[in-house]
N, C-alpha and C. Protein backbone atom coordinates (compact mmCIF):
# COMPACT_ATOMS: atom_id res chain seq x y z
N GLN A 1 89.99 100.51 92.03
CA GLN A 1 88.91 101.10 92.81
C GLN A 1 89.53 101.84 94.00
N VAL A 2 89.16 103.08 94.15
CA VAL A 2 89.66 103.91 95.25
C VAL A 2 88.51 104.24 96.18
N GLN A 3 88.76 104.10 97.47
CA GLN A 3 87.77 104.47 98.47
C GLN A 3 88.32 105.56 99.36
N VAL A 4 87.47 106.50 99.68
CA VAL A 4 87.83 107.58 100.60
C VAL A 4 86.76 107.62 101.68
N VAL A 5 87.15 107.45 102.91
CA VAL A 5 86.19 107.35 104.00
C VAL A 5 86.53 108.34 105.09
N GLU A 6 85.56 109.20 105.39
CA GLU A 6 85.73 110.16 106.49
C GLU A 6 85.10 109.60 107.75
N SER A 7 85.61 110.05 108.88
CA SER A 7 85.03 109.67 110.17
C SER A 7 85.35 110.76 111.19
N GLY A 8 84.64 110.71 112.31
CA GLY A 8 84.94 111.62 113.41
C GLY A 8 83.95 112.74 113.60
N GLY A 9 82.96 112.85 112.73
CA GLY A 9 81.99 113.92 112.89
C GLY A 9 81.06 113.65 114.07
N GLY A 10 80.24 114.64 114.36
CA GLY A 10 79.28 114.47 115.45
C GLY A 10 78.76 115.79 115.94
N LEU A 11 78.10 115.73 117.08
CA LEU A 11 77.53 116.92 117.72
C LEU A 11 78.47 117.40 118.81
N VAL A 12 78.77 118.68 118.79
CA VAL A 12 79.69 119.25 119.78
C VAL A 12 79.16 120.61 120.21
N GLN A 13 79.44 120.98 121.44
CA GLN A 13 79.01 122.29 121.93
C GLN A 13 79.95 123.39 121.43
N PRO A 14 79.45 124.60 121.34
CA PRO A 14 80.33 125.72 120.96
C PRO A 14 81.55 125.78 121.87
N GLY A 15 82.70 126.01 121.25
CA GLY A 15 83.95 126.03 121.99
C GLY A 15 84.64 124.69 122.07
N GLY A 16 83.96 123.66 121.65
CA GLY A 16 84.51 122.31 121.72
C GLY A 16 85.43 121.98 120.55
N SER A 17 85.89 120.74 120.55
CA SER A 17 86.83 120.26 119.53
C SER A 17 86.37 118.93 118.96
N LEU A 18 86.78 118.70 117.74
CA LEU A 18 86.58 117.41 117.08
C LEU A 18 87.79 117.14 116.21
N ARG A 19 88.04 115.86 115.98
CA ARG A 19 89.11 115.47 115.07
C ARG A 19 88.51 114.57 114.00
N LEU A 20 88.61 115.03 112.77
CA LEU A 20 88.14 114.24 111.63
C LEU A 20 89.29 113.45 111.04
N SER A 21 88.95 112.28 110.51
CA SER A 21 89.94 111.46 109.82
C SER A 21 89.44 111.14 108.43
N CYS A 22 90.38 111.00 107.52
CA CYS A 22 90.07 110.64 106.14
C CYS A 22 91.06 109.58 105.70
N ALA A 23 90.54 108.41 105.41
CA ALA A 23 91.41 107.30 105.00
C ALA A 23 91.13 106.94 103.55
N ALA A 24 92.18 106.95 102.74
CA ALA A 24 92.08 106.55 101.34
C ALA A 24 92.67 105.16 101.19
N SER A 25 92.06 104.37 100.31
CA SER A 25 92.58 103.03 100.05
C SER A 25 92.32 102.67 98.60
N GLY A 26 93.03 101.67 98.12
CA GLY A 26 92.86 101.22 96.75
C GLY A 26 93.98 101.68 95.84
N ALA A 27 93.67 101.73 94.57
CA ALA A 27 94.69 101.96 93.53
C ALA A 27 94.98 103.44 93.31
N ILE A 28 95.73 104.01 94.23
CA ILE A 28 96.23 105.37 94.04
C ILE A 28 97.68 105.25 93.62
N TYR A 29 97.99 105.70 92.42
CA TYR A 29 99.32 105.52 91.86
C TYR A 29 100.34 106.44 92.53
N SER A 30 99.95 107.68 92.75
CA SER A 30 100.85 108.65 93.35
C SER A 30 100.01 109.66 94.15
N LEU A 31 100.14 109.58 95.47
CA LEU A 31 99.33 110.43 96.32
C LEU A 31 99.69 111.90 96.11
N GLY A 32 98.69 112.70 95.81
CA GLY A 32 98.91 114.12 95.64
C GLY A 32 98.37 114.88 96.82
N ALA A 33 97.65 115.95 96.54
CA ALA A 33 97.11 116.78 97.61
C ALA A 33 95.99 116.04 98.34
N MET A 34 95.87 116.35 99.62
CA MET A 34 94.73 115.89 100.41
C MET A 34 94.09 117.13 101.01
N ALA A 35 92.78 117.18 100.95
CA ALA A 35 92.10 118.41 101.36
C ALA A 35 90.78 118.09 102.05
N TRP A 36 90.35 119.06 102.85
CA TRP A 36 89.04 119.00 103.48
C TRP A 36 88.19 120.16 102.97
N TYR A 37 86.97 119.84 102.63
CA TYR A 37 85.98 120.83 102.23
C TYR A 37 84.78 120.70 103.17
N ARG A 38 83.93 121.70 103.15
CA ARG A 38 82.68 121.60 103.89
C ARG A 38 81.56 122.27 103.12
N GLN A 39 80.36 121.81 103.40
CA GLN A 39 79.19 122.38 102.75
C GLN A 39 78.05 122.47 103.76
N ALA A 40 77.65 123.69 104.02
CA ALA A 40 76.52 123.93 104.91
C ALA A 40 75.24 123.96 104.07
N PRO A 41 74.09 123.70 104.67
CA PRO A 41 72.83 123.72 103.92
C PRO A 41 72.61 125.05 103.20
N GLY A 42 72.31 124.94 101.92
CA GLY A 42 72.03 126.14 101.13
C GLY A 42 73.26 126.90 100.69
N LYS A 43 74.43 126.37 100.98
CA LYS A 43 75.67 127.06 100.60
C LYS A 43 76.52 126.18 99.70
N GLN A 44 77.46 126.82 99.03
CA GLN A 44 78.36 126.08 98.16
C GLN A 44 79.44 125.38 98.98
N ARG A 45 79.96 124.32 98.42
CA ARG A 45 81.06 123.62 99.08
C ARG A 45 82.29 124.53 99.05
N GLU A 46 82.98 124.60 100.18
CA GLU A 46 84.14 125.49 100.27
C GLU A 46 85.35 124.73 100.82
N LEU A 47 86.51 125.17 100.38
CA LEU A 47 87.76 124.59 100.87
C LEU A 47 87.99 125.03 102.30
N VAL A 48 88.35 124.07 103.15
CA VAL A 48 88.67 124.36 104.54
C VAL A 48 90.18 124.33 104.76
N ALA A 49 90.80 123.25 104.32
CA ALA A 49 92.24 123.11 104.52
C ALA A 49 92.79 122.13 103.49
N ARG A 50 94.06 122.32 103.14
CA ARG A 50 94.66 121.47 102.11
C ARG A 50 96.15 121.31 102.38
N VAL A 51 96.64 120.12 102.14
CA VAL A 51 98.08 119.86 102.13
C VAL A 51 98.44 119.45 100.71
N THR A 52 99.34 120.17 100.09
CA THR A 52 99.74 119.84 98.72
C THR A 52 100.71 118.67 98.72
N ARG A 53 101.00 118.22 97.53
CA ARG A 53 101.93 117.09 97.37
C ARG A 53 103.30 117.43 97.95
N ARG A 54 103.66 118.70 97.89
CA ARG A 54 104.96 119.12 98.41
C ARG A 54 104.94 119.35 99.93
N GLY A 55 103.73 119.37 100.49
CA GLY A 55 103.63 119.59 101.92
C GLY A 55 103.23 121.00 102.31
N ASP A 56 102.93 121.84 101.33
CA ASP A 56 102.44 123.18 101.64
C ASP A 56 101.03 123.07 102.21
N ILE A 57 100.72 123.91 103.16
CA ILE A 57 99.41 123.87 103.83
C ILE A 57 98.68 125.19 103.62
N ASN A 58 97.41 125.08 103.29
CA ASN A 58 96.55 126.26 103.14
C ASN A 58 95.30 126.09 103.98
N TYR A 59 94.85 127.19 104.56
CA TYR A 59 93.60 127.20 105.31
C TYR A 59 92.71 128.32 104.81
N SER A 60 91.41 128.12 104.93
CA SER A 60 90.50 129.23 104.66
C SER A 60 90.63 130.22 105.80
N ASP A 61 90.33 131.46 105.52
CA ASP A 61 90.45 132.50 106.55
C ASP A 61 89.54 132.22 107.74
N SER A 62 88.42 131.59 107.48
CA SER A 62 87.43 131.38 108.55
C SER A 62 87.88 130.35 109.58
N VAL A 63 88.87 129.52 109.24
CA VAL A 63 89.29 128.49 110.19
C VAL A 63 90.74 128.65 110.61
N LYS A 64 91.43 129.60 110.02
CA LYS A 64 92.85 129.79 110.32
C LYS A 64 93.06 130.03 111.82
N GLY A 65 93.99 129.28 112.39
CA GLY A 65 94.27 129.42 113.81
C GLY A 65 93.42 128.54 114.70
N ARG A 66 92.38 127.93 114.13
CA ARG A 66 91.50 127.05 114.91
C ARG A 66 91.56 125.61 114.41
N PHE A 67 91.71 125.43 113.11
CA PHE A 67 91.75 124.11 112.51
C PHE A 67 93.18 123.80 112.06
N PHE A 68 93.53 122.52 112.15
CA PHE A 68 94.87 122.10 111.78
C PHE A 68 94.79 120.79 111.01
N ILE A 69 95.40 120.78 109.83
CA ILE A 69 95.39 119.60 108.98
C ILE A 69 96.74 118.91 109.07
N SER A 70 96.70 117.60 109.02
CA SER A 70 97.93 116.82 108.98
C SER A 70 97.70 115.61 108.08
N VAL A 71 98.80 115.05 107.58
CA VAL A 71 98.72 113.93 106.66
C VAL A 71 99.74 112.87 107.05
N ASP A 72 99.30 111.64 107.03
CA ASP A 72 100.21 110.50 107.16
C ASP A 72 100.24 109.84 105.78
N LYS A 73 101.28 110.14 105.02
CA LYS A 73 101.32 109.66 103.63
C LYS A 73 101.37 108.13 103.56
N ALA A 74 102.09 107.53 104.47
CA ALA A 74 102.22 106.07 104.44
C ALA A 74 100.87 105.39 104.61
N LYS A 75 99.99 106.01 105.39
CA LYS A 75 98.66 105.46 105.61
C LYS A 75 97.63 106.07 104.68
N MET A 76 98.05 107.01 103.85
CA MET A 76 97.13 107.74 102.97
C MET A 76 95.94 108.26 103.77
N THR A 77 96.26 108.86 104.88
CA THR A 77 95.24 109.35 105.79
C THR A 77 95.51 110.81 106.14
N SER A 78 94.46 111.59 106.16
CA SER A 78 94.59 112.96 106.63
C SER A 78 93.69 113.17 107.84
N TYR A 79 94.07 114.15 108.63
CA TYR A 79 93.34 114.47 109.85
C TYR A 79 93.03 115.96 109.86
N LEU A 80 91.90 116.29 110.41
CA LEU A 80 91.55 117.69 110.58
C LEU A 80 91.18 117.90 112.05
N GLN A 81 92.07 118.54 112.77
CA GLN A 81 91.81 118.88 114.16
C GLN A 81 91.09 120.20 114.19
N MET A 82 89.89 120.21 114.76
CA MET A 82 89.06 121.41 114.78
C MET A 82 88.85 121.84 116.22
N ASN A 83 89.32 123.04 116.52
CA ASN A 83 89.20 123.59 117.86
C ASN A 83 88.33 124.85 117.86
N SER A 84 87.90 125.23 119.03
CA SER A 84 87.09 126.45 119.19
C SER A 84 85.95 126.49 118.19
N LEU A 85 85.25 125.40 118.10
CA LEU A 85 84.16 125.30 117.12
C LEU A 85 83.03 126.24 117.48
N ASN A 86 82.39 126.77 116.45
CA ASN A 86 81.23 127.63 116.64
C ASN A 86 80.14 127.18 115.68
N PRO A 87 78.91 127.66 115.88
CA PRO A 87 77.79 127.20 115.05
C PRO A 87 78.01 127.40 113.54
N ASP A 88 78.82 128.39 113.17
CA ASP A 88 79.10 128.60 111.74
C ASP A 88 79.92 127.48 111.13
N ASP A 89 80.51 126.65 111.96
CA ASP A 89 81.28 125.51 111.47
C ASP A 89 80.39 124.30 111.16
N THR A 90 79.12 124.41 111.47
CA THR A 90 78.19 123.31 111.20
C THR A 90 78.08 123.07 109.69
N ALA A 91 78.36 121.86 109.29
CA ALA A 91 78.37 121.52 107.86
C ALA A 91 78.67 120.04 107.71
N ALA A 92 78.48 119.57 106.49
CA ALA A 92 79.01 118.26 106.11
C ALA A 92 80.44 118.48 105.64
N TYR A 93 81.36 117.70 106.18
CA TYR A 93 82.77 117.84 105.86
C TYR A 93 83.19 116.70 104.93
N TYR A 94 83.84 117.08 103.84
CA TYR A 94 84.23 116.12 102.82
C TYR A 94 85.75 116.11 102.65
N CYS A 95 86.26 114.95 102.39
CA CYS A 95 87.68 114.79 102.13
C CYS A 95 87.90 114.57 100.64
N LYS A 96 88.92 115.19 100.10
CA LYS A 96 89.30 114.99 98.71
C LYS A 96 90.75 114.53 98.64
N VAL A 97 90.96 113.50 97.86
CA VAL A 97 92.30 112.93 97.69
C VAL A 97 92.67 112.97 96.21
N GLN A 98 93.84 113.45 95.94
CA GLN A 98 94.29 113.56 94.55
C GLN A 98 95.27 112.45 94.20
N ASP A 99 95.03 111.84 93.06
CA ASP A 99 96.04 110.94 92.49
C ASP A 99 96.84 111.79 91.51
N PHE A 100 98.05 112.13 91.87
CA PHE A 100 98.85 113.08 91.10
C PHE A 100 99.24 112.54 89.74
N ARG A 101 99.48 111.23 89.65
CA ARG A 101 99.95 110.66 88.38
C ARG A 101 98.90 110.78 87.30
N ILE A 102 97.65 110.55 87.64
CA ILE A 102 96.59 110.59 86.63
C ILE A 102 95.69 111.80 86.81
N MET A 103 96.10 112.70 87.71
CA MET A 103 95.37 113.95 87.93
C MET A 103 93.88 113.71 88.10
N THR A 104 93.57 112.85 89.04
CA THR A 104 92.18 112.52 89.34
C THR A 104 91.92 112.77 90.82
N ASP A 105 90.78 113.34 91.11
CA ASP A 105 90.37 113.59 92.50
C ASP A 105 89.31 112.59 92.92
N TYR A 106 89.42 112.13 94.15
CA TYR A 106 88.44 111.22 94.72
C TYR A 106 87.85 111.87 95.97
N TRP A 107 86.54 111.73 96.10
CA TRP A 107 85.83 112.33 97.23
C TRP A 107 85.26 111.26 98.14
N GLY A 108 85.19 111.59 99.42
CA GLY A 108 84.48 110.74 100.36
C GLY A 108 83.01 111.13 100.40
N GLN A 109 82.26 110.39 101.20
CA GLN A 109 80.83 110.61 101.30
C GLN A 109 80.48 111.72 102.28
N GLY A 110 81.43 112.12 103.08
CA GLY A 110 81.19 113.22 104.01
C GLY A 110 80.87 112.75 105.42
N THR A 111 81.17 113.61 106.36
CA THR A 111 80.81 113.36 107.76
C THR A 111 80.23 114.65 108.33
N GLN A 112 79.13 114.51 109.04
CA GLN A 112 78.41 115.69 109.53
C GLN A 112 79.01 116.21 110.83
N VAL A 113 79.21 117.51 110.86
CA VAL A 113 79.64 118.19 112.09
C VAL A 113 78.57 119.20 112.45
N THR A 114 78.05 119.08 113.65
CA THR A 114 77.02 119.99 114.13
C THR A 114 77.50 120.64 115.43
N VAL A 115 77.54 121.96 115.42
CA VAL A 115 77.97 122.70 116.61
C VAL A 115 76.76 123.41 117.19
N SER A 116 76.34 122.95 118.35
CA SER A 116 75.11 123.48 118.94
C SER A 116 75.11 123.23 120.44
N SER A 117 74.49 124.15 121.16
CA SER A 117 74.35 123.96 122.60
C SER A 117 73.01 123.30 122.91
C-alpha cells in the first residue's frame, strides 16, 4: 500500500509565497520521478514541475523562475516552493510519485492553493 500526502496549501495574497510538501510512504520498490501538477476549476490538470529519477528538473513555462521543486529521496518527499504567486496560480495542487521498478504512478489527494487579496 502506497500513500502520497500533500500539505502546505492555503490562502495567500498576490505576491506571496507558499511551500508545498509531498510525502510518499509504503511499498515503493524504486523511487522514480516526483512531480507536481495543478488543476484549476474547469481546466485540465497540468504539469507544474518534475524531478526525474536522474535528477533532471522541468518546469512549465508559466511557473519558471517563480516555483522551485526539490526532492529528498531518503524521505521520499518532494517540496514545491512557490514565490510571486498570482491569482492564475489558484488551483488544487497534486503530487505524483513514480515507482520506477513497476512503472506505476501514485497520486495524492491534492492541496488547495488560493491566491486572492
